[in-house]
Amino acid sequence: MPIADPIEREIAARYLLKYKVCRNCGAKAPLSAVKCRRCHSKNLRLKKQELRR
């Protein structure tokens, strides 16, 4: 079910798209993270900011 309200869409995008991903183990981390919580690697990247349909 698509979200029609633009404010709710922005809130959903914040939770679904705005985080970092570890390049070693694939764990999710918050934007403020410096290193991975699982493998303690500093090799983090931002999640791709594109919604797939």
N, C-alpha and C. Protein backbone atom coordinates (compact mmCIF):
# COMPACT_ATOMS: atom_id res chain seq x y z
N MET A 1 0.84 -1.17 0.00
CA MET A 1 0.00 0.00 0.00
C MET A 1 0.89 1.24 0.00
N PRO A 2 0.86 2.05 -1.05
CA PRO A 2 1.70 3.24 -1.11
C PRO A 2 1.25 4.32 -0.12
N ILE A 3 2.20 5.11 0.29
CA ILE A 3 1.93 6.20 1.21
C ILE A 3 1.70 7.47 0.40
N ALA A 4 0.54 8.09 0.57
CA ALA A 4 0.18 9.27 -0.22
C ALA A 4 0.63 10.57 0.45
N ASP A 5 0.62 10.60 1.77
CA ASP A 5 0.96 11.82 2.50
C ASP A 5 2.47 12.07 2.43
N PRO A 6 2.91 13.26 1.95
CA PRO A 6 4.35 13.51 1.81
C PRO A 6 5.11 13.55 3.14
N ILE A 7 4.46 13.96 4.21
CA ILE A 7 5.12 13.99 5.52
C ILE A 7 5.37 12.56 6.00
N GLU A 8 4.37 11.71 5.88
CA GLU A 8 4.54 10.31 6.27
C GLU A 8 5.56 9.60 5.39
N ARG A 9 5.61 9.97 4.10
CA ARG A 9 6.60 9.38 3.19
C ARG A 9 8.02 9.75 3.62
N GLU A 10 8.22 10.99 4.05
CA GLU A 10 9.54 11.43 4.51
C GLU A 10 9.94 10.70 5.79
N ILE A 11 8.99 10.50 6.69
CA ILE A 11 9.28 9.76 7.92
C ILE A 11 9.65 8.31 7.60
N ALA A 12 8.91 7.69 6.69
CA ALA A 12 9.21 6.32 6.30
C ALA A 12 10.58 6.23 5.62
N ALA A 13 10.90 7.17 4.76
CA ALA A 13 12.20 7.17 4.08
C ALA A 13 13.34 7.33 5.07
N ARG A 14 13.13 8.12 6.12
CA ARG A 14 14.16 8.32 7.13
C ARG A 14 14.50 6.99 7.81
N TYR A 15 13.49 6.20 8.12
CA TYR A 15 13.74 4.93 8.79
C TYR A 15 14.21 3.84 7.84
N LEU A 16 13.78 3.86 6.60
CA LEU A 16 14.11 2.79 5.67
C LEU A 16 15.38 3.04 4.86
N LEU A 17 15.78 4.30 4.68
CA LEU A 17 16.88 4.60 3.77
C LEU A 17 18.08 5.28 4.40
N LYS A 18 17.94 5.87 5.56
CA LYS A 18 19.03 6.69 6.10
C LYS A 18 19.78 5.95 7.20
N TYR A 19 20.70 5.09 6.79
CA TYR A 19 21.57 4.40 7.72
C TYR A 19 22.82 3.96 6.98
N LYS A 20 23.78 3.44 7.70
CA LYS A 20 25.01 2.94 7.10
C LYS A 20 24.99 1.42 7.10
N VAL A 21 25.76 0.85 6.17
CA VAL A 21 25.87 -0.59 6.03
C VAL A 21 27.35 -0.95 6.06
N CYS A 22 27.69 -2.00 6.82
CA CYS A 22 29.07 -2.46 6.89
C CYS A 22 29.42 -3.20 5.61
N ARG A 23 30.56 -2.88 5.05
CA ARG A 23 30.98 -3.55 3.81
C ARG A 23 31.54 -4.94 4.07
N ASN A 24 31.90 -5.25 5.31
CA ASN A 24 32.44 -6.58 5.61
C ASN A 24 31.34 -7.58 5.93
N CYS A 25 30.44 -7.23 6.87
CA CYS A 25 29.46 -8.22 7.33
C CYS A 25 28.03 -7.87 6.94
N GLY A 26 27.76 -6.66 6.46
CA GLY A 26 26.42 -6.30 6.01
C GLY A 26 25.49 -5.82 7.10
N ALA A 27 25.98 -5.59 8.30
CA ALA A 27 25.12 -5.14 9.41
C ALA A 27 24.71 -3.69 9.21
N LYS A 28 23.51 -3.35 9.72
CA LYS A 28 23.04 -1.97 9.69
C LYS A 28 23.63 -1.20 10.86
N ALA A 29 23.89 0.09 10.64
CA ALA A 29 24.41 0.95 11.69
C ALA A 29 23.79 2.34 11.52
N PRO A 30 23.66 3.10 12.60
CA PRO A 30 23.10 4.45 12.47
C PRO A 30 24.05 5.37 11.69
N LEU A 31 23.51 6.51 11.25
CA LEU A 31 24.33 7.46 10.48
C LEU A 31 25.52 7.98 11.27
N SER A 32 25.40 8.04 12.58
CA SER A 32 26.47 8.58 13.41
C SER A 32 27.56 7.57 13.71
N ALA A 33 27.40 6.32 13.26
CA ALA A 33 28.37 5.27 13.58
C ALA A 33 29.70 5.52 12.88
N VAL A 34 30.77 5.17 13.58
CA VAL A 34 32.12 5.27 13.02
C VAL A 34 32.63 3.88 12.67
N LYS A 35 32.22 2.88 13.48
CA LYS A 35 32.62 1.51 13.18
C LYS A 35 31.46 0.56 13.41
N CYS A 36 31.56 -0.62 12.83
CA CYS A 36 30.49 -1.62 12.86
C CYS A 36 30.29 -2.16 14.27
N ARG A 37 29.03 -2.41 14.63
CA ARG A 37 28.73 -2.95 15.95
C ARG A 37 29.01 -4.45 16.03
N ARG A 38 29.02 -5.14 14.88
CA ARG A 38 29.22 -6.59 14.88
C ARG A 38 30.69 -6.99 14.70
N CYS A 39 31.32 -6.47 13.65
CA CYS A 39 32.69 -6.91 13.34
C CYS A 39 33.73 -5.85 13.69
N HIS A 40 33.31 -4.68 14.14
CA HIS A 40 34.17 -3.57 14.58
C HIS A 40 35.05 -3.01 13.46
N SER A 41 34.62 -3.23 12.21
CA SER A 41 35.32 -2.69 11.07
C SER A 41 34.95 -1.21 10.90
N LYS A 42 35.85 -0.42 10.34
CA LYS A 42 35.56 0.98 10.06
C LYS A 42 35.16 1.19 8.60
N ASN A 43 34.90 0.10 7.90
CA ASN A 43 34.58 0.13 6.48
C ASN A 43 33.05 0.19 6.31
N LEU A 44 32.47 1.38 6.51
CA LEU A 44 31.03 1.59 6.41
C LEU A 44 30.71 2.42 5.17
N ARG A 45 29.51 2.20 4.65
CA ARG A 45 29.03 3.01 3.53
C ARG A 45 27.60 3.42 3.82
N LEU A 46 27.12 4.47 3.14
CA LEU A 46 25.73 4.88 3.26
C LEU A 46 24.87 3.94 2.43
N LYS A 47 23.66 3.69 2.88
CA LYS A 47 22.74 2.89 2.09
C LYS A 47 22.33 3.69 0.86
N LYS A 48 22.10 2.99 -0.23
CA LYS A 48 21.66 3.67 -1.45
C LYS A 48 20.32 4.32 -1.19
N GLN A 49 20.15 5.58 -1.61
CA GLN A 49 19.00 6.39 -1.28
C GLN A 49 17.90 6.33 -2.34
N GLU A 50 17.65 5.16 -2.89
CA GLU A 50 16.70 5.02 -3.97
C GLU A 50 15.66 3.98 -3.60
N LEU A 51 14.40 4.33 -3.69
CA LEU A 51 13.33 3.38 -3.43
C LEU A 51 13.12 2.52 -4.66
N ARG A 52 13.05 1.21 -4.45
CA ARG A 52 12.77 0.29 -5.56
C ARG A 52 11.30 -0.07 -5.53
N ARG A 53 10.70 -0.23 -6.70
CA ARG A 53 9.29 -0.63 -6.78
C ARG A 53 9.16 -1.93 -7.52
